[in-house]
């Protein structure tokens, strides 16, 4: 029994060693300056658009109803990555007028909740940061 266990362990270790040391193909591509500038401009446009929508009085009133000040929402927007900003902007742009307000508020609430749990901010009193 012990001999079988040793041989099984040795076989597993050999397979793992071979799998981790085998070469992996990597591909690289040159990116032009115009592609980089386009991607950056797209992110800045979305962030500015979301910041402008947070400054609207009706959006600020809805956020206040949920216990979030406009300054806290702006700080959360500044802390978001470009991918998160692009996703949020795409969600807002694709939502029908008036029908997607609940979805946007839920998205903002979830983002605020996650940043509270991660300990970046303290908006909700019912969360405990993991730090």
N, C-alpha and C. Protein backbone atom coordinates (compact mmCIF):
# COMPACT_ATOMS: atom_id res chain seq x y z
N UNK A 1 0.82 -1.19 0.00
CA UNK A 1 0.00 0.00 0.00
C UNK A 1 0.87 1.26 0.00
N UNK A 2 1.90 1.26 0.81
CA UNK A 2 2.80 2.40 0.90
C UNK A 2 3.58 2.57 -0.40
N UNK A 3 3.96 1.47 -1.01
CA UNK A 3 4.69 1.52 -2.27
C UNK A 3 3.80 2.10 -3.37
N UNK A 4 2.51 1.72 -3.38
CA UNK A 4 1.56 2.24 -4.36
C UNK A 4 1.36 3.74 -4.17
N UNK A 5 1.28 4.18 -2.93
CA UNK A 5 1.10 5.60 -2.63
C UNK A 5 2.33 6.41 -3.08
N UNK A 6 3.51 5.87 -2.82
CA UNK A 6 4.74 6.55 -3.23
C UNK A 6 4.83 6.65 -4.75
N UNK A 7 4.48 5.58 -5.44
CA UNK A 7 4.58 5.60 -6.90
C UNK A 7 3.53 6.54 -7.50
N UNK A 8 2.35 6.59 -6.91
CA UNK A 8 1.31 7.51 -7.39
C UNK A 8 1.74 8.95 -7.18
N UNK A 9 2.31 9.24 -6.02
CA UNK A 9 2.78 10.58 -5.73
C UNK A 9 3.92 10.97 -6.66
N UNK A 10 4.84 10.05 -6.90
CA UNK A 10 5.96 10.34 -7.79
C UNK A 10 5.47 10.59 -9.21
N UNK A 11 4.52 9.81 -9.68
CA UNK A 11 3.96 10.00 -11.03
C UNK A 11 3.27 11.35 -11.14
N UNK A 12 2.51 11.71 -10.14
CA UNK A 12 1.81 12.99 -10.13
C UNK A 12 2.81 14.15 -10.14
N UNK A 13 3.86 14.04 -9.37
CA UNK A 13 4.87 15.10 -9.32
C UNK A 13 5.61 15.22 -10.65
N UNK A 14 5.89 14.11 -11.31
CA UNK A 14 6.56 14.15 -12.61
C UNK A 14 5.67 14.84 -13.64
N UNK A 15 4.41 14.47 -13.66
CA UNK A 15 3.47 15.09 -14.60
C UNK A 15 3.35 16.59 -14.32
N UNK A 16 3.27 16.98 -13.06
CA UNK A 16 3.16 18.39 -12.72
C UNK A 16 4.42 19.15 -13.10
N UNK A 17 5.58 18.55 -12.90
CA UNK A 17 6.84 19.20 -13.26
C UNK A 17 6.95 19.40 -14.77
N UNK A 18 6.58 18.39 -15.53
CA UNK A 18 6.63 18.50 -16.98
C UNK A 18 5.62 19.54 -17.47
N UNK A 19 4.44 19.56 -16.88
CA UNK A 19 3.40 20.51 -17.31
C UNK A 19 3.80 21.95 -17.01
N UNK A 20 4.47 22.18 -15.88
CA UNK A 20 4.82 23.56 -15.53
C UNK A 20 6.07 24.06 -16.23
N UNK A 21 6.92 23.17 -16.68
CA UNK A 21 8.15 23.61 -17.34
C UNK A 21 8.07 23.57 -18.85
N UNK A 22 6.95 23.14 -19.40
CA UNK A 22 6.84 23.12 -20.86
C UNK A 22 6.69 24.56 -21.36
N UNK A 23 7.30 24.87 -22.49
CA UNK A 23 7.23 26.25 -23.01
C UNK A 23 5.82 26.61 -23.46
N UNK A 24 5.48 27.85 -23.22
CA UNK A 24 4.17 28.36 -23.59
C UNK A 24 4.38 29.44 -24.66
N UNK A 25 3.62 29.34 -25.71
CA UNK A 25 3.76 30.32 -26.80
C UNK A 25 3.15 31.65 -26.38
N UNK A 26 3.86 32.72 -26.65
CA UNK A 26 3.38 34.07 -26.35
C UNK A 26 3.34 34.86 -27.65
N UNK A 27 2.32 35.65 -27.79
CA UNK A 27 2.17 36.46 -28.99
C UNK A 27 2.15 37.93 -28.60
N UNK A 28 2.86 38.73 -29.32
CA UNK A 28 2.91 40.17 -29.07
C UNK A 28 2.56 40.90 -30.37
N UNK A 29 1.93 42.03 -30.20
CA UNK A 29 1.53 42.83 -31.36
C UNK A 29 1.88 44.28 -31.07
N UNK A 30 2.37 44.95 -32.05
CA UNK A 30 2.63 46.38 -31.90
C UNK A 30 1.32 47.15 -32.01
N UNK A 31 1.17 48.13 -31.15
CA UNK A 31 -0.04 48.94 -31.14
C UNK A 31 0.35 50.35 -31.56
N UNK A 32 -0.40 50.89 -32.48
CA UNK A 32 -0.13 52.24 -32.96
C UNK A 32 -0.59 53.30 -31.98
N UNK A 33 -0.03 54.46 -32.11
CA UNK A 33 -0.36 55.58 -31.24
C UNK A 33 -1.82 55.99 -31.39
N UNK A 34 -2.33 55.94 -32.61
CA UNK A 34 -3.72 56.33 -32.83
C UNK A 34 -4.69 55.40 -32.11
N UNK A 35 -4.37 54.10 -32.02
CA UNK A 35 -5.23 53.17 -31.30
C UNK A 35 -5.24 53.47 -29.80
N UNK A 36 -4.08 53.79 -29.26
CA UNK A 36 -3.98 54.11 -27.84
C UNK A 36 -4.74 55.39 -27.52
N UNK A 37 -4.56 56.42 -28.34
CA UNK A 37 -5.25 57.69 -28.11
C UNK A 37 -6.75 57.55 -28.23
N UNK A 38 -7.21 56.73 -29.19
CA UNK A 38 -8.64 56.50 -29.34
C UNK A 38 -9.22 55.81 -28.11
N UNK A 39 -8.51 54.80 -27.61
CA UNK A 39 -8.99 54.08 -26.43
C UNK A 39 -9.02 54.99 -25.21
N UNK A 40 -8.00 55.83 -25.03
CA UNK A 40 -7.98 56.73 -23.89
C UNK A 40 -9.07 57.78 -24.00
N UNK A 41 -9.27 58.32 -25.18
CA UNK A 41 -10.31 59.34 -25.36
C UNK A 41 -11.68 58.76 -25.10
N UNK A 42 -11.89 57.51 -25.49
CA UNK A 42 -13.18 56.86 -25.26
C UNK A 42 -13.46 56.75 -23.76
N UNK A 43 -12.44 56.38 -22.98
CA UNK A 43 -12.60 56.26 -21.54
C UNK A 43 -12.85 57.60 -20.88
N UNK A 44 -12.15 58.65 -21.33
CA UNK A 44 -12.34 59.97 -20.76
C UNK A 44 -13.73 60.51 -21.07
N UNK A 45 -14.22 60.23 -22.26
CA UNK A 45 -15.55 60.69 -22.65
C UNK A 45 -16.61 60.05 -21.77
N UNK A 46 -16.50 58.75 -21.54
CA UNK A 46 -17.49 58.05 -20.71
C UNK A 46 -17.45 58.56 -19.28
N UNK A 47 -16.25 58.76 -18.74
CA UNK A 47 -16.12 59.24 -17.36
C UNK A 47 -16.73 60.64 -17.23
N UNK A 48 -16.47 61.51 -18.21
CA UNK A 48 -17.03 62.86 -18.18
C UNK A 48 -18.55 62.83 -18.32
N UNK A 49 -19.05 61.92 -19.15
CA UNK A 49 -20.50 61.80 -19.34
C UNK A 49 -21.16 61.34 -18.04
N UNK A 50 -20.57 60.36 -17.37
CA UNK A 50 -21.14 59.88 -16.11
C UNK A 50 -21.05 60.94 -15.02
N UNK A 51 -19.95 61.68 -14.98
CA UNK A 51 -19.80 62.75 -13.99
C UNK A 51 -20.84 63.83 -14.21
N UNK A 52 -21.12 64.14 -15.47
CA UNK A 52 -22.14 65.15 -15.77
C UNK A 52 -23.52 64.65 -15.36
N UNK A 53 -23.79 63.37 -15.54
CA UNK A 53 -25.10 62.85 -15.16
C UNK A 53 -25.26 62.80 -13.65
N UNK A 54 -24.16 62.62 -12.92
CA UNK A 54 -24.25 62.64 -11.45
C UNK A 54 -24.49 64.04 -10.93
N UNK A 55 -24.15 65.07 -11.70
CA UNK A 55 -24.37 66.46 -11.29
C UNK A 55 -25.80 66.92 -11.49
N UNK A 56 -26.59 66.13 -12.22
CA UNK A 56 -27.99 66.52 -12.45
C UNK A 56 -28.76 66.48 -11.13
N UNK A 57 -29.67 67.41 -10.91
CA UNK A 57 -30.40 67.46 -9.63
C UNK A 57 -31.29 66.24 -9.38
N UNK A 58 -31.91 65.70 -10.45
CA UNK A 58 -32.78 64.55 -10.24
C UNK A 58 -31.99 63.30 -9.86
N UNK A 59 -30.81 63.13 -10.45
CA UNK A 59 -29.97 61.99 -10.09
C UNK A 59 -29.44 62.16 -8.68
N UNK A 60 -29.04 63.38 -8.32
CA UNK A 60 -28.55 63.65 -6.97
C UNK A 60 -29.65 63.39 -5.94
N UNK A 61 -30.89 63.74 -6.28
CA UNK A 61 -31.99 63.49 -5.35
C UNK A 61 -32.23 62.00 -5.16
N UNK A 62 -32.15 61.24 -6.24
CA UNK A 62 -32.32 59.78 -6.13
C UNK A 62 -31.20 59.15 -5.31
N UNK A 63 -29.99 59.63 -5.51
CA UNK A 63 -28.87 59.10 -4.72
C UNK A 63 -29.04 59.45 -3.25
N UNK A 64 -29.50 60.67 -2.96
CA UNK A 64 -29.74 61.08 -1.57
C UNK A 64 -30.81 60.21 -0.92
N UNK A 65 -31.82 59.81 -1.69
CA UNK A 65 -32.86 58.92 -1.15
C UNK A 65 -32.27 57.58 -0.73
N UNK A 66 -31.21 57.17 -1.41
CA UNK A 66 -30.56 55.90 -1.09
C UNK A 66 -29.39 56.07 -0.13
N UNK A 67 -29.21 57.29 0.39
CA UNK A 67 -28.19 57.53 1.41
C UNK A 67 -26.80 57.80 0.88
N UNK A 68 -26.70 58.21 -0.37
CA UNK A 68 -25.39 58.49 -0.98
C UNK A 68 -25.37 59.94 -1.41
N UNK A 69 -24.35 60.68 -0.97
CA UNK A 69 -24.25 62.08 -1.39
C UNK A 69 -23.61 62.14 -2.78
N UNK A 70 -23.76 63.27 -3.42
CA UNK A 70 -23.20 63.45 -4.75
C UNK A 70 -21.67 63.40 -4.70
N UNK A 71 -21.08 63.91 -3.62
CA UNK A 71 -19.63 63.87 -3.49
C UNK A 71 -19.12 62.44 -3.36
N UNK A 72 -19.86 61.61 -2.62
CA UNK A 72 -19.47 60.21 -2.48
C UNK A 72 -19.58 59.48 -3.82
N UNK A 73 -20.62 59.78 -4.57
CA UNK A 73 -20.79 59.16 -5.88
C UNK A 73 -19.68 59.59 -6.83
N UNK A 74 -19.29 60.87 -6.78
CA UNK A 74 -18.19 61.35 -7.61
C UNK A 74 -16.88 60.67 -7.22
N UNK A 75 -16.67 60.49 -5.92
CA UNK A 75 -15.45 59.81 -5.47
C UNK A 75 -15.43 58.36 -5.93
N UNK A 76 -16.58 57.70 -5.89
CA UNK A 76 -16.67 56.32 -6.37
C UNK A 76 -16.40 56.25 -7.87
N UNK A 77 -16.92 57.22 -8.61
CA UNK A 77 -16.69 57.26 -10.05
C UNK A 77 -15.21 57.45 -10.35
N UNK A 78 -14.55 58.28 -9.56
CA UNK A 78 -13.12 58.50 -9.76
C UNK A 78 -12.31 57.25 -9.43
N UNK A 79 -12.81 56.41 -8.52
CA UNK A 79 -12.10 55.20 -8.12
C UNK A 79 -12.32 54.04 -9.08
N UNK A 80 -13.30 54.15 -9.97
CA UNK A 80 -13.60 53.05 -10.89
C UNK A 80 -12.53 52.94 -11.98
N UNK A 81 -12.32 51.72 -12.44
CA UNK A 81 -11.38 51.52 -13.55
C UNK A 81 -12.05 51.93 -14.85
N UNK A 82 -11.25 52.07 -15.90
CA UNK A 82 -11.80 52.45 -17.20
C UNK A 82 -12.78 51.40 -17.72
N UNK A 83 -12.50 50.14 -17.48
CA UNK A 83 -13.40 49.07 -17.94
C UNK A 83 -14.75 49.17 -17.24
N UNK A 84 -14.74 49.45 -15.94
CA UNK A 84 -16.00 49.59 -15.20
C UNK A 84 -16.78 50.81 -15.68
N UNK A 85 -16.07 51.90 -15.95
CA UNK A 85 -16.73 53.12 -16.45
C UNK A 85 -17.35 52.85 -17.81
N UNK A 86 -16.61 52.18 -18.70
CA UNK A 86 -17.14 51.86 -20.03
C UNK A 86 -18.36 50.96 -19.94
N UNK A 87 -18.32 49.98 -19.03
CA UNK A 87 -19.46 49.08 -18.87
C UNK A 87 -20.67 49.83 -18.35
N UNK A 88 -20.47 50.69 -17.36
CA UNK A 88 -21.58 51.46 -16.81
C UNK A 88 -22.15 52.42 -17.85
N UNK A 89 -21.28 53.07 -18.62
CA UNK A 89 -21.75 53.99 -19.67
C UNK A 89 -22.50 53.24 -20.75
N UNK A 90 -22.04 52.05 -21.12
CA UNK A 90 -22.74 51.24 -22.12
C UNK A 90 -24.10 50.80 -21.61
N UNK A 91 -24.18 50.48 -20.34
CA UNK A 91 -25.47 50.08 -19.74
C UNK A 91 -26.45 51.24 -19.77
N UNK A 92 -25.96 52.42 -19.43
CA UNK A 92 -26.83 53.60 -19.43
C UNK A 92 -27.28 53.94 -20.84
N UNK A 93 -26.34 53.87 -21.80
CA UNK A 93 -26.68 54.22 -23.18
C UNK A 93 -27.64 53.24 -23.82
N UNK A 94 -27.56 51.97 -23.46
CA UNK A 94 -28.42 50.97 -24.10
C UNK A 94 -29.77 50.82 -23.41
N UNK A 95 -29.94 51.40 -22.25
CA UNK A 95 -31.20 51.28 -21.52
C UNK A 95 -32.25 52.19 -22.14
N UNK A 96 -33.50 51.72 -22.21
CA UNK A 96 -34.55 52.60 -22.71
C UNK A 96 -34.79 53.76 -21.73
N UNK A 97 -35.25 54.86 -22.26
CA UNK A 97 -35.46 56.05 -21.44
C UNK A 97 -36.47 55.78 -20.34
N UNK A 98 -36.07 55.99 -19.11
CA UNK A 98 -36.96 55.83 -17.97
C UNK A 98 -37.05 54.41 -17.48
N UNK A 99 -36.83 53.42 -18.31
CA UNK A 99 -36.99 52.03 -17.91
C UNK A 99 -35.75 51.51 -17.22
N UNK A 100 -34.58 52.06 -17.50
CA UNK A 100 -33.35 51.54 -16.95
C UNK A 100 -32.87 52.24 -15.70
N UNK A 101 -33.68 53.13 -15.14
CA UNK A 101 -33.26 53.89 -13.97
C UNK A 101 -33.02 52.94 -12.79
N UNK A 102 -33.89 51.98 -12.63
CA UNK A 102 -33.74 51.02 -11.53
C UNK A 102 -32.47 50.22 -11.72
N UNK A 103 -32.19 49.80 -12.94
CA UNK A 103 -30.98 49.04 -13.21
C UNK A 103 -29.73 49.84 -12.93
N UNK A 104 -29.75 51.10 -13.31
CA UNK A 104 -28.59 51.97 -13.06
C UNK A 104 -28.41 52.18 -11.57
N UNK A 105 -29.50 52.42 -10.86
CA UNK A 105 -29.40 52.60 -9.41
C UNK A 105 -28.90 51.34 -8.72
N UNK A 106 -29.36 50.20 -9.19
CA UNK A 106 -28.89 48.93 -8.61
C UNK A 106 -27.40 48.77 -8.91
N UNK A 107 -26.98 49.12 -10.12
CA UNK A 107 -25.57 49.02 -10.48
C UNK A 107 -24.73 49.94 -9.59
N UNK A 108 -25.17 51.16 -9.41
CA UNK A 108 -24.44 52.10 -8.55
C UNK A 108 -24.43 51.58 -7.11
N UNK A 109 -25.55 51.04 -6.65
CA UNK A 109 -25.62 50.49 -5.29
C UNK A 109 -24.65 49.33 -5.12
N UNK A 110 -24.59 48.45 -6.10
CA UNK A 110 -23.68 47.30 -6.01
C UNK A 110 -22.23 47.76 -6.01
N UNK A 111 -21.91 48.74 -6.85
CA UNK A 111 -20.54 49.26 -6.88
C UNK A 111 -20.19 49.90 -5.54
N UNK A 112 -21.11 50.67 -4.99
CA UNK A 112 -20.88 51.29 -3.69
C UNK A 112 -20.73 50.23 -2.60
N UNK A 113 -21.54 49.19 -2.67
CA UNK A 113 -21.48 48.12 -1.68
C UNK A 113 -20.15 47.38 -1.76
N UNK A 114 -19.71 47.08 -2.97
CA UNK A 114 -18.44 46.35 -3.13
C UNK A 114 -17.28 47.19 -2.62
N UNK A 115 -17.27 48.48 -2.93
CA UNK A 115 -16.18 49.32 -2.45
C UNK A 115 -16.23 49.49 -0.93
N UNK A 116 -17.43 49.43 -0.34
CA UNK A 116 -17.54 49.45 1.11
C UNK A 116 -16.96 48.18 1.71
N UNK A 117 -17.29 47.05 1.15
CA UNK A 117 -16.81 45.77 1.67
C UNK A 117 -15.30 45.67 1.52
N UNK A 118 -14.77 46.20 0.41
CA UNK A 118 -13.32 46.16 0.21
C UNK A 118 -12.60 47.17 1.08
N UNK A 119 -13.32 48.08 1.72
CA UNK A 119 -12.73 49.02 2.65
C UNK A 119 -12.24 50.31 2.02
N UNK A 120 -12.59 50.58 0.77
CA UNK A 120 -12.17 51.81 0.13
C UNK A 120 -12.98 53.01 0.62
N UNK A 121 -14.24 52.78 0.94
CA UNK A 121 -15.10 53.85 1.42
C UNK A 121 -15.95 53.34 2.56
N UNK A 122 -16.68 54.24 3.19
CA UNK A 122 -17.61 53.86 4.26
C UNK A 122 -18.90 54.63 4.04
N UNK A 123 -19.80 54.06 3.22
CA UNK A 123 -21.07 54.70 2.92
C UNK A 123 -22.20 54.03 3.69
N UNK A 124 -22.23 52.71 3.68
CA UNK A 124 -23.31 51.97 4.30
C UNK A 124 -22.90 51.52 5.70
N UNK A 125 -23.75 51.78 6.70
CA UNK A 125 -23.37 51.41 8.07
C UNK A 125 -23.48 49.90 8.33
N UNK A 126 -24.14 49.16 7.47
CA UNK A 126 -24.35 47.74 7.70
C UNK A 126 -23.25 46.84 7.12
N UNK A 127 -22.20 47.45 6.57
CA UNK A 127 -21.10 46.64 6.00
C UNK A 127 -19.88 46.70 6.90
N UNK A 128 -19.09 45.63 6.86
CA UNK A 128 -17.83 45.58 7.56
C UNK A 128 -16.74 45.39 6.53
N UNK A 129 -15.72 46.24 6.52
CA UNK A 129 -14.65 46.07 5.54
C UNK A 129 -13.84 44.82 5.83
N UNK A 130 -13.28 44.22 4.79
CA UNK A 130 -12.50 43.01 4.96
C UNK A 130 -11.08 43.30 5.41
N UNK A 131 -10.68 44.54 5.39
CA UNK A 131 -9.33 44.91 5.83
C UNK A 131 -9.25 45.00 7.31
